[in-house]
């Protein structure tokens, strides 16, 4: 099994991580009125991770993030209606 080492972890990975944590925190506060905001943070994080997965040549991770991005769009759309 090959372990990947990322020698250059740029700031975008940290931004994606922080947005994901902020989204999870917002979604877990059980306030229905802010659920759309948590999903929006998740969408922004997903976009960053889709790009990182594509840039790294990691197709499974990219496809997983595309799936979560699509679910996030659906969730934001449902919450705002």
Protein backbone atom coordinates (compact mmCIF):
# COMPACT_ATOMS: atom_id res chain seq x y z
CA UNK A 1 0.00 0.00 0.00
CA UNK A 2 1.43 3.33 -1.05
CA UNK A 3 1.13 6.28 1.29
CA UNK A 4 1.01 9.68 -0.35
CA UNK A 5 3.11 12.45 1.08
CA UNK A 6 2.07 15.98 0.32
CA UNK A 7 5.22 18.04 0.49
CA UNK A 8 3.51 21.28 -0.42
CA UNK A 9 0.37 21.76 1.63
CA UNK A 10 -0.76 25.19 0.56
CA UNK A 11 -3.14 27.54 2.30
CA UNK A 12 -6.16 26.43 0.26
CA UNK A 13 -6.16 23.04 1.97
CA UNK A 14 -6.32 24.78 5.34
CA UNK A 15 -9.11 27.06 4.13
CA UNK A 16 -11.05 24.01 2.90
CA UNK A 17 -10.53 22.28 6.23
CA UNK A 18 -11.62 25.33 8.24
CA UNK A 19 -14.72 25.82 6.07
CA UNK A 20 -15.63 22.15 6.54
CA UNK A 21 -15.26 22.49 10.32
CA UNK A 22 -17.29 25.71 10.34
CA UNK A 23 -20.00 24.03 8.26
CA UNK A 24 -20.13 21.02 10.58
CA UNK A 25 -20.30 23.31 13.63
CA UNK A 26 -23.11 25.36 12.08
CA UNK A 27 -25.07 22.28 11.02
CA UNK A 28 -24.74 20.66 14.44
CA UNK A 29 -26.16 23.59 16.41
CA UNK A 30 -29.72 22.39 15.55
CA UNK A 31 -30.90 25.88 14.63
CA UNK A 32 -33.13 25.39 11.60
CA UNK A 33 -32.76 28.98 10.47
CA UNK A 34 -28.97 28.65 9.99
CA UNK A 35 -28.88 25.23 8.36
CA UNK A 36 -28.56 26.79 4.90
CA UNK A 37 -25.47 28.65 6.10
CA UNK A 38 -23.82 25.44 7.29
CA UNK A 39 -24.51 23.78 3.95
CA UNK A 40 -23.12 26.83 2.16
CA UNK A 41 -19.87 26.53 4.10
CA UNK A 42 -19.84 22.88 3.09
CA UNK A 43 -20.30 23.85 -0.56
CA UNK A 44 -17.37 26.25 -0.44
CA UNK A 45 -15.24 23.62 1.24
CA UNK A 46 -16.34 21.04 -1.32
CA UNK A 47 -15.28 23.26 -4.21
CA UNK A 48 -11.83 23.62 -2.71
CA UNK A 49 -11.50 19.86 -2.15
CA UNK A 50 -12.77 19.06 -5.65
CA UNK A 51 -10.01 21.25 -7.04
CA UNK A 52 -7.40 19.71 -4.72
CA UNK A 53 -8.46 16.19 -5.64
CA UNK A 54 -8.28 17.03 -9.32
CA UNK A 55 -4.91 18.74 -8.90
CA UNK A 56 -3.53 15.73 -6.99
CA UNK A 57 -4.87 13.30 -9.58
CA UNK A 58 -7.00 11.58 -6.93
CA UNK A 59 -10.12 10.60 -8.88
CA UNK A 60 -11.97 8.77 -6.06
CA UNK A 61 -11.64 11.75 -3.71
CA UNK A 62 -12.67 14.15 -6.46
CA UNK A 63 -15.79 12.11 -7.26
CA UNK A 64 -16.69 11.82 -3.57
CA UNK A 65 -16.45 15.59 -3.20
CA UNK A 66 -18.54 16.11 -6.36
CA UNK A 67 -21.22 13.88 -4.80
CA UNK A 68 -21.19 15.88 -1.55
CA UNK A 69 -21.23 19.13 -3.52
CA UNK A 70 -24.36 18.00 -5.39
CA UNK A 71 -26.03 17.02 -2.10
CA UNK A 72 -25.05 20.40 -0.65
CA UNK A 73 -26.64 22.27 -3.55
CA UNK A 74 -29.83 20.26 -3.05
CA UNK A 75 -29.79 20.95 0.70
CA UNK A 76 -29.28 24.72 0.30
CA UNK A 77 -32.01 24.84 -2.34
CA UNK A 78 -34.42 22.97 -0.03
CA UNK A 79 -33.63 25.12 2.99
CA UNK A 80 -34.10 28.39 1.14
CA UNK A 81 -37.48 27.40 -0.27
